Amino acid sequence: MAALRALVRASHPGPAVLVSTVGVLLAVAFGRSPADTVLIGLAVFAGQLSIGWHNDHLDIDRDLAAARTDKPLATGEISVDAVRWATAVSVLTCVALSLLTGVAGGVLHIAAVASAWSYNQFFKHTPLSVAPFVFSFGLLPAFAAGGPTEAPWWTLVAGGLLGGGAHFANVLPDLASDAATGVRGLPHRFGRVGSELAASAMLLATAVVLALAIGRWFALAGLAVAVVGIPLGLWLGRVHGGRMVFRTVMALALVDVVLLVAGSATVSA
């Protein structure tokens, strides 16, 4: 059981569950059948597990150097071979389940997962680190809808912007430790303040796109929350510390996710 718990922790279960939930909600919003909705959720979950395990496998030397006690591979709680096998199984499962939802959408999801792997393998250390996030999250609505022509263009744009904003926000707590172990992605080159502003700008842009495309009262209300919340969060961050900015950005990301799902539902209504 200890090894199983370690394997789960190495998969980055939080993001895996979160992204899978968004995939399921989008599938429901687009009016997919119950069977397809289940397949979509499981496919996204399997893909996310593979991304998490692949990331920790590649980062084992960095995690050892940083003495990361929250990384099971670095602490020896789980073996490299076990993570490799789990990764292989999750990839095969992801491919099979994705294609079972339909070839058009399935291929897009496979491409999105491959893009996330490319971040782990290469883009994480480059000025283009944000690109895989924009690409992969931009494809999620199209996969949930059943293909590139099934989802409105603005859901793809909003998904991409949301993914880019999430990248800058997600890196904020780890900027110092990443820099110490040689990670030089775009957020690290921007620095903390630059990354806070980039995350805020991309998430605000997401809210703008959704408000203009949806045109309903709830979308306009979400935009109003973003317009007021971002400068307030940045100001509070200067007064009370950077964690306040991080919390504000994550709250805005949640607002954008709700708007994206609700807006997608208006398409199939």
Protein backbone atom coordinates (compact mmCIF):
# COMPACT_ATOMS: atom_id res chain seq x y z
CA MET A 1 0.00 0.00 0.00
CA ALA A 2 2.87 2.38 0.75
CA ALA A 3 4.25 1.91 -2.75
CA LEU A 4 0.81 2.51 -4.25
CA ARG A 5 0.38 5.72 -2.26
CA ALA A 6 3.82 6.86 -3.41
CA LEU A 7 2.91 6.08 -7.02
CA VAL A 8 -0.26 8.15 -6.71
CA ARG A 9 1.66 11.08 -5.22
CA ALA A 10 4.21 10.93 -8.05
CA SER A 11 1.41 11.30 -10.60
CA HIS A 12 0.56 14.87 -9.50
CA PRO A 13 -2.99 13.77 -8.55
CA GLY A 14 -4.32 17.26 -7.86
CA PRO A 15 -3.85 18.64 -11.38
CA ALA A 16 -4.89 15.26 -12.84
CA VAL A 17 -8.24 15.33 -11.05
CA LEU A 18 -8.77 19.03 -11.78
CA VAL A 19 -8.12 18.81 -15.54
CA SER A 20 -10.17 15.60 -15.79
CA THR A 21 -13.08 17.30 -14.04
CA VAL A 22 -12.92 20.20 -16.49
CA GLY A 23 -12.92 17.70 -19.36
CA VAL A 24 -16.02 15.97 -17.99
CA LEU A 25 -17.84 19.26 -17.40
CA LEU A 26 -17.06 20.40 -20.94
CA ALA A 27 -18.32 17.09 -22.34
CA VAL A 28 -21.58 17.51 -20.42
CA ALA A 29 -21.82 21.13 -21.55
CA PHE A 30 -21.40 20.12 -25.19
CA GLY A 31 -24.15 17.52 -24.84
CA ARG A 32 -22.04 14.40 -25.21
CA SER A 33 -23.65 11.08 -24.32
CA PRO A 34 -23.12 9.62 -20.83
CA ALA A 35 -20.88 6.90 -22.26
CA ASP A 36 -18.74 9.39 -24.17
CA THR A 37 -18.55 11.66 -21.14
CA VAL A 38 -17.20 8.82 -18.99
CA LEU A 39 -14.67 7.87 -21.68
CA ILE A 40 -13.55 11.48 -22.01
CA GLY A 41 -13.04 11.81 -18.26
CA LEU A 42 -11.07 8.56 -18.05
CA ALA A 43 -8.99 9.43 -21.14
CA VAL A 44 -8.06 12.83 -19.75
CA PHE A 45 -7.27 11.29 -16.35
CA ALA A 46 -5.02 8.64 -17.90
CA GLY A 47 -3.25 11.28 -19.97
CA GLN A 48 -2.71 13.49 -16.94
CA LEU A 49 -1.30 10.58 -14.94
CA SER A 50 1.20 9.88 -17.70
CA ILE A 51 2.24 13.55 -17.78
CA GLY A 52 2.79 13.63 -14.02
CA TRP A 53 4.81 10.41 -13.91
CA HIS A 54 6.85 11.45 -16.94
CA ASN A 55 7.61 14.79 -15.28
CA ASP A 56 8.82 13.27 -12.02
CA HIS A 57 10.87 10.65 -13.85
CA LEU A 58 12.70 13.33 -15.81
CA ASP A 59 13.12 15.57 -12.75
CA ILE A 60 14.54 12.95 -10.39
CA ASP A 61 18.10 14.37 -10.47
CA ARG A 62 16.80 17.92 -9.89
CA ASP A 63 14.58 16.75 -7.05
CA LEU A 64 17.48 14.90 -5.45
CA ALA A 65 19.68 17.99 -5.70
CA ALA A 66 16.96 20.11 -4.13
CA ALA A 67 16.31 17.48 -1.42
CA ARG A 68 12.60 17.42 -2.28
CA THR A 69 10.91 15.32 0.40
CA ASP A 70 7.56 15.57 -1.41
CA LYS A 71 8.83 13.64 -4.44
CA PRO A 72 8.52 9.85 -3.97
CA LEU A 73 11.11 9.04 -6.65
CA ALA A 74 13.66 11.31 -4.99
CA THR A 75 13.00 9.85 -1.53
CA GLY A 76 13.14 6.27 -2.79
CA GLU A 77 9.55 5.47 -1.82
CA ILE A 78 8.90 4.20 -5.33
CA SER A 79 11.26 2.74 -7.92
CA VAL A 80 12.05 4.22 -11.32
CA ASP A 81 10.94 0.97 -12.97
CA ALA A 82 7.53 1.16 -11.29
CA VAL A 83 7.00 4.70 -12.56
CA ARG A 84 8.12 3.68 -16.06
CA TRP A 85 5.62 0.81 -16.14
CA ALA A 86 2.83 3.00 -14.78
CA THR A 87 3.62 5.63 -17.40
CA ALA A 88 3.52 3.09 -20.22
CA VAL A 89 0.18 1.68 -19.06
CA SER A 90 -1.35 5.13 -18.67
CA VAL A 91 -0.20 6.18 -22.15
CA LEU A 92 -1.70 3.09 -23.80
CA THR A 93 -4.91 3.56 -21.82
CA CYS A 94 -5.09 7.21 -22.78
CA VAL A 95 -4.65 6.45 -26.50
CA ALA A 96 -7.25 3.68 -26.49
CA LEU A 97 -9.87 5.61 -24.52
CA SER A 98 -9.31 8.79 -26.53
CA LEU A 99 -9.92 7.01 -29.83
CA LEU A 100 -12.99 5.26 -28.43
CA THR A 101 -14.63 8.68 -28.02
CA GLY A 102 -14.22 9.23 -31.77
CA VAL A 103 -11.21 9.46 -34.05
CA ALA A 104 -11.46 13.21 -34.73
CA GLY A 105 -11.54 14.22 -31.08
CA GLY A 106 -9.31 11.37 -29.93
CA VAL A 107 -6.43 12.39 -32.18
CA LEU A 108 -6.66 15.92 -30.79
CA HIS A 109 -6.41 14.67 -27.22
CA ILE A 110 -3.43 12.47 -28.06
CA ALA A 111 -1.77 15.53 -29.60
CA ALA A 112 -2.53 17.53 -26.46
CA VAL A 113 -0.92 14.90 -24.22
CA ALA A 114 2.09 14.67 -26.54
CA SER A 115 2.42 18.44 -26.30
CA ALA A 116 2.46 18.23 -22.49
CA TRP A 117 5.16 15.58 -22.70
CA SER A 118 7.18 17.91 -24.92
CA TYR A 119 7.02 20.49 -22.13
CA ASN A 120 8.44 18.00 -19.66
CA GLN A 121 11.12 16.84 -22.07
CA PHE A 122 12.23 20.11 -23.66
CA PHE A 123 10.13 23.27 -23.48
CA LYS A 124 10.28 23.59 -19.68
CA HIS A 125 13.83 24.91 -20.02
CA THR A 126 13.19 27.35 -22.87
CA PRO A 127 11.56 30.74 -23.47
CA LEU A 128 8.77 28.82 -25.25
CA SER A 129 7.70 27.00 -22.09
CA VAL A 130 4.22 28.51 -22.26
CA ALA A 131 3.54 27.17 -25.78
CA PRO A 132 2.61 23.56 -24.84
CA PHE A 133 0.17 24.84 -22.21
CA VAL A 134 -1.56 27.10 -24.73
CA PHE A 135 -1.68 24.30 -27.31
CA SER A 136 -2.83 21.50 -24.99
CA PHE A 137 -5.47 23.45 -23.08
CA GLY A 138 -6.68 24.96 -26.33
CA LEU A 139 -7.42 21.47 -27.65
CA LEU A 140 -9.34 20.29 -24.56
CA PRO A 141 -12.69 21.88 -25.57
CA ALA A 142 -12.36 20.41 -29.08
CA PHE A 143 -11.74 16.94 -27.64
CA ALA A 144 -14.68 17.27 -25.27
CA ALA A 145 -16.93 18.43 -28.11
CA GLY A 146 -15.92 15.59 -30.41
CA GLY A 147 -13.64 17.27 -32.93
CA PRO A 148 -12.17 20.56 -34.16
CA THR A 149 -15.34 21.60 -35.97
CA GLU A 150 -17.65 20.74 -33.06
CA ALA A 151 -16.38 23.38 -30.63
CA PRO A 152 -16.76 27.13 -31.29
CA TRP A 153 -13.49 28.91 -32.04
CA TRP A 154 -13.74 31.04 -28.93
CA THR A 155 -13.67 27.99 -26.65
CA LEU A 156 -10.33 27.00 -28.19
CA VAL A 157 -8.93 30.53 -27.80
CA ALA A 158 -10.20 30.78 -24.22
CA GLY A 159 -8.80 27.34 -23.39
CA GLY A 160 -5.40 28.30 -24.76
CA LEU A 161 -5.28 31.58 -22.86
CA LEU A 162 -6.40 29.82 -19.69
CA GLY A 163 -3.64 27.25 -20.11
CA GLY A 164 -1.02 29.95 -20.60
CA GLY A 165 -2.18 31.81 -17.53
CA ALA A 166 -2.17 28.58 -15.53
CA HIS A 167 1.46 27.98 -16.53
CA PHE A 168 2.62 31.32 -15.15
CA ALA A 169 0.48 30.91 -12.02
CA ASN A 170 1.56 27.32 -11.37
CA VAL A 171 5.26 28.21 -11.46
CA LEU A 172 5.01 31.12 -9.01
CA PRO A 173 5.50 29.09 -5.79
CA ASP A 174 8.52 27.25 -7.25
CA LEU A 175 10.42 30.06 -8.99
CA ALA A 176 13.30 30.07 -6.50
CA SER A 177 13.77 26.29 -6.28
CA ASP A 178 13.46 25.92 -10.05
CA ALA A 179 16.08 28.60 -10.68
CA ALA A 180 18.44 26.92 -8.20
CA THR A 181 18.30 23.68 -10.18
CA GLY A 182 18.68 25.24 -13.62
CA VAL A 183 15.11 25.56 -14.91
CA ARG A 184 14.88 28.61 -17.17
CA GLY A 185 11.41 28.65 -18.66
CA LEU A 186 9.60 31.84 -19.65
CA PRO A 187 8.26 32.57 -16.13
CA HIS A 188 11.77 32.31 -14.70
CA ARG A 189 13.03 34.79 -17.29
CA PHE A 190 10.15 37.15 -16.48
CA GLY A 191 10.75 36.93 -12.73
CA ARG A 192 8.08 36.94 -10.04
CA VAL A 193 6.52 40.30 -10.84
CA GLY A 194 6.61 39.67 -14.58
CA SER A 195 5.04 36.24 -14.15
CA GLU A 196 2.31 37.63 -11.90
CA LEU A 197 1.49 40.22 -14.53
CA ALA A 198 1.62 37.67 -17.36
CA ALA A 199 -0.69 35.26 -15.52
CA SER A 200 -3.09 38.09 -14.70
CA ALA A 201 -3.08 39.40 -18.28
CA MET A 202 -3.74 35.99 -19.86
CA LEU A 203 -6.54 35.16 -17.45
CA LEU A 204 -8.09 38.60 -17.92
CA ALA A 205 -7.88 38.07 -21.69
CA THR A 206 -9.68 34.75 -21.21
CA ALA A 207 -12.51 36.50 -19.39
CA VAL A 208 -12.71 39.16 -22.12
CA VAL A 209 -12.93 36.56 -24.91
CA LEU A 210 -15.62 34.61 -23.06
CA ALA A 211 -17.64 37.72 -22.17
CA LEU A 212 -17.62 38.97 -25.76
CA ALA A 213 -18.41 35.55 -27.24
CA ILE A 214 -21.11 34.50 -24.78
CA GLY A 215 -22.71 37.90 -24.21
CA ARG A 216 -24.78 36.66 -21.27
CA TRP A 217 -25.08 38.35 -17.90
CA PHE A 218 -22.99 35.72 -16.11
CA ALA A 219 -20.11 36.18 -18.56
CA LEU A 220 -20.18 39.94 -18.08
CA ALA A 221 -20.29 39.42 -14.31
CA GLY A 222 -17.24 37.16 -14.54
CA LEU A 223 -15.41 39.81 -16.54
CA ALA A 224 -16.30 42.41 -13.92
CA VAL A 225 -14.87 40.15 -11.20
CA ALA A 226 -11.65 39.82 -13.20
CA VAL A 227 -11.35 43.56 -13.87
CA VAL A 228 -11.78 44.37 -10.18
CA GLY A 229 -10.00 41.34 -8.74
CA ILE A 230 -6.72 41.51 -10.64
CA PRO A 231 -5.55 44.99 -9.58
CA LEU A 232 -6.86 44.35 -6.07
CA GLY A 233 -4.89 41.10 -5.86
CA LEU A 234 -1.72 42.71 -7.20
CA TRP A 235 -2.04 45.53 -4.68
CA LEU A 236 -2.67 43.14 -1.79
CA GLY A 237 0.35 41.14 -2.93
CA ARG A 238 2.56 44.20 -2.59
CA VAL A 239 1.18 44.79 0.91
CA HIS A 240 0.82 41.27 2.31
CA GLY A 241 3.21 39.19 0.21
CA GLY A 242 3.25 37.21 -3.03
CA ARG A 243 0.96 34.43 -1.83
CA MET A 244 -1.97 36.83 -2.05
CA VAL A 245 -1.27 37.37 -5.75
CA PHE A 246 -1.06 33.62 -6.30
CA ARG A 247 -4.42 33.08 -4.57
CA THR A 248 -6.02 35.85 -6.60
CA VAL A 249 -4.71 34.44 -9.87
CA MET A 250 -5.93 30.95 -9.01
CA ALA A 251 -9.35 32.32 -8.05
CA LEU A 252 -9.53 34.11 -11.39
CA ALA A 253 -8.56 30.89 -13.18
CA LEU A 254 -11.50 29.19 -11.45
CA VAL A 255 -13.85 31.97 -12.61
CA ASP A 256 -12.59 31.49 -16.18
CA VAL A 257 -13.14 27.73 -16.00
CA VAL A 258 -16.72 28.25 -14.82
CA LEU A 259 -17.34 30.74 -17.63
CA LEU A 260 -15.82 28.39 -20.22
CA VAL A 261 -18.03 25.48 -19.13
CA ALA A 262 -21.16 27.63 -18.79
CA GLY A 263 -20.52 29.28 -22.12
CA SER A 264 -20.01 25.93 -23.83
CA ALA A 265 -23.37 24.81 -22.47
CA THR A 266 -25.07 27.71 -24.23
CA VAL A 267 -23.80 26.34 -27.55
CA SER A 268 -25.60 23.02 -27.19
CA ALA A 269 -28.70 24.50 -25.51
